[in-house]
Amino acid sequence: MRSNRTEVAILLEILRALDPDAATIAGLSRRVNVPYRRLEEYIDLLRQRKLIETASEDEATGRATSFRVTDEGRKFMTEARQFEWLLRSYGIRL
């Protein structure tokens, strides 16, 4: 039986999928297996927290077309890996 991922696990997957290369929401949706509309919400959350930033925009609409991890996002991933390791060492799954 497959267990559901937590929101934190999904956010970390998104960050990992964007590091080191930028990606579009459509590409991310396939990589992290999250529906496009739901992924837009996660992208907004990560942008608000300054963990990702716009890598390119559509000149006609001014909308972001791809995203990349910021330095703060990389720092967050490093800390999250350490936290994951700690939890696993106690038999707790994130």
N, C-alpha and C. Protein backbone atom coordinates (compact mmCIF):
# COMPACT_ATOMS: atom_id res chain seq x y z
N MET A 1 0.84 -1.18 0.00
CA MET A 1 0.00 0.00 0.00
C MET A 1 0.88 1.24 0.00
N ARG A 2 0.59 2.18 -0.89
CA ARG A 2 1.37 3.41 -1.00
C ARG A 2 0.84 4.45 -0.02
N SER A 3 1.73 5.04 0.74
CA SER A 3 1.30 6.07 1.68
C SER A 3 1.35 7.43 0.99
N ASN A 4 0.52 8.33 1.46
CA ASN A 4 0.50 9.69 0.91
C ASN A 4 1.68 10.47 1.42
N ARG A 5 2.17 11.37 0.57
CA ARG A 5 3.28 12.25 0.96
C ARG A 5 2.74 13.42 1.77
N THR A 6 3.55 13.89 2.68
CA THR A 6 3.17 15.08 3.44
C THR A 6 3.44 16.31 2.58
N GLU A 7 2.86 17.43 2.98
CA GLU A 7 3.08 18.68 2.26
C GLU A 7 4.57 19.04 2.27
N VAL A 8 5.22 18.81 3.39
CA VAL A 8 6.66 19.11 3.50
C VAL A 8 7.45 18.25 2.52
N ALA A 9 7.10 16.97 2.42
CA ALA A 9 7.80 16.07 1.49
C ALA A 9 7.62 16.55 0.05
N ILE A 10 6.42 17.00 -0.30
CA ILE A 10 6.17 17.50 -1.66
C ILE A 10 6.96 18.77 -1.92
N LEU A 11 6.98 19.69 -0.96
CA LEU A 11 7.74 20.93 -1.12
C LEU A 11 9.22 20.64 -1.31
N LEU A 12 9.75 19.70 -0.56
CA LEU A 12 11.16 19.34 -0.71
C LEU A 12 11.42 18.69 -2.07
N GLU A 13 10.50 17.87 -2.55
CA GLU A 13 10.64 17.27 -3.88
C GLU A 13 10.68 18.35 -4.95
N ILE A 14 9.83 19.36 -4.81
CA ILE A 14 9.81 20.46 -5.77
C ILE A 14 11.15 21.18 -5.77
N LEU A 15 11.65 21.50 -4.59
CA LEU A 15 12.94 22.19 -4.50
C LEU A 15 14.06 21.35 -5.11
N ARG A 16 14.06 20.08 -4.82
CA ARG A 16 15.10 19.19 -5.37
C ARG A 16 14.99 19.09 -6.88
N ALA A 17 13.77 19.10 -7.39
CA ALA A 17 13.57 19.02 -8.84
C ALA A 17 14.05 20.29 -9.55
N LEU A 18 14.06 21.41 -8.84
CA LEU A 18 14.49 22.69 -9.42
C LEU A 18 15.98 22.96 -9.23
N ASP A 19 16.65 22.11 -8.52
CA ASP A 19 18.07 22.34 -8.24
C ASP A 19 18.91 21.29 -8.94
N PRO A 20 19.78 21.61 -9.83
CA PRO A 20 20.33 22.94 -10.15
C PRO A 20 19.66 23.61 -11.33
N ASP A 21 18.75 22.93 -12.05
CA ASP A 21 18.18 23.49 -13.27
C ASP A 21 16.78 24.06 -13.05
N ALA A 22 16.50 25.15 -13.73
CA ALA A 22 15.16 25.74 -13.70
C ALA A 22 14.20 24.83 -14.43
N ALA A 23 12.91 24.96 -14.12
CA ALA A 23 11.89 24.14 -14.77
C ALA A 23 10.58 24.90 -14.82
N THR A 24 9.72 24.48 -15.74
CA THR A 24 8.38 25.04 -15.84
C THR A 24 7.45 24.30 -14.88
N ILE A 25 6.28 24.86 -14.65
CA ILE A 25 5.31 24.18 -13.79
C ILE A 25 4.88 22.86 -14.44
N ALA A 26 4.68 22.87 -15.75
CA ALA A 26 4.27 21.63 -16.43
C ALA A 26 5.33 20.54 -16.27
N GLY A 27 6.59 20.91 -16.43
CA GLY A 27 7.67 19.94 -16.25
C GLY A 27 7.75 19.44 -14.82
N LEU A 28 7.60 20.36 -13.88
CA LEU A 28 7.62 19.98 -12.47
C LEU A 28 6.46 19.05 -12.13
N SER A 29 5.30 19.33 -12.70
CA SER A 29 4.13 18.52 -12.43
C SER A 29 4.40 17.05 -12.76
N ARG A 30 5.07 16.82 -13.88
CA ARG A 30 5.42 15.45 -14.25
C ARG A 30 6.49 14.88 -13.34
N ARG A 31 7.51 15.67 -13.02
CA ARG A 31 8.63 15.18 -12.19
C ARG A 31 8.22 14.80 -10.78
N VAL A 32 7.39 15.64 -10.17
CA VAL A 32 7.04 15.41 -8.76
C VAL A 32 5.67 14.77 -8.59
N ASN A 33 5.00 14.51 -9.72
CA ASN A 33 3.71 13.82 -9.71
C ASN A 33 2.66 14.53 -8.85
N VAL A 34 2.49 15.82 -9.16
CA VAL A 34 1.49 16.64 -8.48
C VAL A 34 0.67 17.32 -9.58
N PRO A 35 -0.65 17.32 -9.48
CA PRO A 35 -1.47 17.98 -10.50
C PRO A 35 -1.09 19.46 -10.67
N TYR A 36 -1.19 19.94 -11.90
CA TYR A 36 -0.78 21.29 -12.26
C TYR A 36 -1.38 22.35 -11.33
N ARG A 37 -2.69 22.31 -11.12
CA ARG A 37 -3.36 23.33 -10.29
C ARG A 37 -2.85 23.31 -8.85
N ARG A 38 -2.66 22.14 -8.31
CA ARG A 38 -2.15 22.02 -6.93
C ARG A 38 -0.71 22.51 -6.87
N LEU A 39 0.06 22.20 -7.91
CA LEU A 39 1.46 22.62 -7.96
C LEU A 39 1.58 24.14 -7.99
N GLU A 40 0.64 24.80 -8.66
CA GLU A 40 0.65 26.27 -8.67
C GLU A 40 0.58 26.83 -7.26
N GLU A 41 -0.20 26.20 -6.39
CA GLU A 41 -0.30 26.65 -5.00
C GLU A 41 1.03 26.47 -4.27
N TYR A 42 1.67 25.33 -4.49
CA TYR A 42 2.97 25.09 -3.86
C TYR A 42 4.02 26.08 -4.38
N ILE A 43 3.99 26.37 -5.68
CA ILE A 43 4.92 27.33 -6.27
C ILE A 43 4.72 28.70 -5.63
N ASP A 44 3.46 29.12 -5.48
CA ASP A 44 3.17 30.41 -4.84
C ASP A 44 3.73 30.45 -3.42
N LEU A 45 3.53 29.38 -2.67
CA LEU A 45 4.03 29.30 -1.30
C LEU A 45 5.56 29.42 -1.27
N LEU A 46 6.23 28.68 -2.14
CA LEU A 46 7.70 28.71 -2.18
C LEU A 46 8.21 30.08 -2.61
N ARG A 47 7.50 30.73 -3.52
CA ARG A 47 7.91 32.07 -3.95
C ARG A 47 7.72 33.08 -2.82
N GLN A 48 6.60 32.99 -2.11
CA GLN A 48 6.35 33.91 -1.00
C GLN A 48 7.44 33.78 0.06
N ARG A 49 7.91 32.57 0.28
CA ARG A 49 8.95 32.32 1.29
C ARG A 49 10.36 32.57 0.76
N LYS A 50 10.44 33.01 -0.53
CA LYS A 50 11.71 33.32 -1.18
C LYS A 50 12.64 32.10 -1.30
N LEU A 51 12.03 30.92 -1.42
CA LEU A 51 12.82 29.69 -1.59
C LEU A 51 13.04 29.38 -3.07
N ILE A 52 12.18 29.94 -3.93
CA ILE A 52 12.37 29.86 -5.38
C ILE A 52 12.10 31.24 -5.96
N GLU A 53 12.55 31.43 -7.20
CA GLU A 53 12.34 32.69 -7.90
C GLU A 53 12.05 32.42 -9.37
N THR A 54 11.56 33.42 -10.05
CA THR A 54 11.30 33.31 -11.47
C THR A 54 12.62 33.25 -12.22
N ALA A 55 12.73 32.25 -13.12
CA ALA A 55 13.93 32.13 -13.94
C ALA A 55 13.71 32.79 -15.29
N SER A 56 12.47 32.73 -15.80
CA SER A 56 12.15 33.40 -17.06
C SER A 56 10.66 33.75 -17.08
N GLU A 57 10.34 34.73 -17.91
CA GLU A 57 8.96 35.19 -18.03
C GLU A 57 8.56 35.24 -19.50
N ASP A 58 7.28 35.09 -19.75
CA ASP A 58 6.73 35.27 -21.08
C ASP A 58 6.65 36.77 -21.31
N GLU A 59 7.33 37.27 -22.32
CA GLU A 59 7.37 38.72 -22.55
C GLU A 59 5.99 39.30 -22.83
N ALA A 60 5.14 38.55 -23.51
CA ALA A 60 3.81 39.06 -23.86
C ALA A 60 2.90 39.20 -22.65
N THR A 61 2.95 38.23 -21.74
CA THR A 61 2.02 38.25 -20.61
C THR A 61 2.67 38.70 -19.31
N GLY A 62 3.99 38.64 -19.23
CA GLY A 62 4.68 38.98 -17.99
C GLY A 62 4.58 37.90 -16.93
N ARG A 63 4.04 36.73 -17.30
CA ARG A 63 3.89 35.62 -16.35
C ARG A 63 5.15 34.77 -16.32
N ALA A 64 5.46 34.27 -15.15
CA ALA A 64 6.62 33.40 -15.00
C ALA A 64 6.42 32.12 -15.82
N THR A 65 7.47 31.71 -16.51
CA THR A 65 7.39 30.48 -17.28
C THR A 65 8.27 29.38 -16.69
N SER A 66 9.27 29.77 -15.94
CA SER A 66 10.09 28.76 -15.26
C SER A 66 10.63 29.34 -13.94
N PHE A 67 11.04 28.43 -13.08
CA PHE A 67 11.46 28.79 -11.73
C PHE A 67 12.78 28.12 -11.40
N ARG A 68 13.49 28.70 -10.44
CA ARG A 68 14.75 28.12 -9.96
C ARG A 68 14.84 28.34 -8.45
N VAL A 69 15.68 27.53 -7.82
CA VAL A 69 15.89 27.61 -6.37
C VAL A 69 16.80 28.80 -6.06
N THR A 70 16.48 29.51 -4.99
CA THR A 70 17.32 30.62 -4.53
C THR A 70 18.39 30.08 -3.57
N ASP A 71 19.31 30.94 -3.19
CA ASP A 71 20.30 30.55 -2.19
C ASP A 71 19.62 30.17 -0.88
N GLU A 72 18.58 30.92 -0.53
CA GLU A 72 17.82 30.62 0.69
C GLU A 72 17.14 29.24 0.56
N GLY A 73 16.67 28.92 -0.63
CA GLY A 73 16.07 27.61 -0.87
C GLY A 73 17.08 26.49 -0.71
N ARG A 74 18.30 26.71 -1.17
CA ARG A 74 19.36 25.70 -1.00
C ARG A 74 19.71 25.51 0.47
N LYS A 75 19.74 26.61 1.20
CA LYS A 75 20.00 26.54 2.64
C LYS A 75 18.89 25.75 3.33
N PHE A 76 17.65 26.01 2.94
CA PHE A 76 16.50 25.30 3.49
C PHE A 76 16.62 23.80 3.21
N MET A 77 17.00 23.45 1.98
CA MET A 77 17.15 22.02 1.63
C MET A 77 18.23 21.35 2.48
N THR A 78 19.32 22.03 2.71
CA THR A 78 20.40 21.47 3.54
C THR A 78 19.90 21.20 4.95
N GLU A 79 19.21 22.19 5.52
CA GLU A 79 18.66 22.02 6.86
C GLU A 79 17.62 20.90 6.90
N ALA A 80 16.79 20.84 5.86
CA ALA A 80 15.75 19.81 5.80
C ALA A 80 16.36 18.41 5.71
N ARG A 81 17.44 18.26 4.95
CA ARG A 81 18.12 16.95 4.86
C ARG A 81 18.63 16.52 6.23
N GLN A 82 19.19 17.45 6.97
CA GLN A 82 19.68 17.12 8.31
C GLN A 82 18.53 16.72 9.22
N PHE A 83 17.41 17.41 9.09
CA PHE A 83 16.24 17.09 9.90
C PHE A 83 15.69 15.72 9.51
N GLU A 84 15.63 15.45 8.21
CA GLU A 84 15.18 14.13 7.73
C GLU A 84 16.06 13.02 8.29
N TRP A 85 17.38 13.24 8.26
CA TRP A 85 18.31 12.24 8.79
C TRP A 85 18.03 11.99 10.27
N LEU A 86 17.82 13.07 11.03
CA LEU A 86 17.53 12.94 12.45
C LEU A 86 16.26 12.14 12.68
N LEU A 87 15.21 12.47 11.94
CA LEU A 87 13.95 11.73 12.10
C LEU A 87 14.13 10.24 11.76
N ARG A 88 14.80 9.96 10.67
CA ARG A 88 15.02 8.57 10.27
C ARG A 88 15.83 7.81 11.32
N SER A 89 16.76 8.48 11.94
CA SER A 89 17.59 7.81 12.96
C SER A 89 16.74 7.37 14.16
N TYR A 90 15.57 7.98 14.31
CA TYR A 90 14.63 7.59 15.36
C TYR A 90 13.47 6.77 14.82
N GLY A 91 13.57 6.37 13.57
CA GLY A 91 12.54 5.55 12.97
C GLY A 91 11.28 6.30 12.58
N ILE A 92 11.39 7.60 12.41
CA ILE A 92 10.25 8.43 12.02
C ILE A 92 10.40 8.84 10.57
N ARG A 93 9.32 8.68 9.80
CA ARG A 93 9.36 9.02 8.38
C ARG A 93 8.73 10.38 8.15
N LEU A 94 9.39 11.20 7.36
CA LEU A 94 8.87 12.54 7.03
C LEU A 94 7.88 12.43 5.90
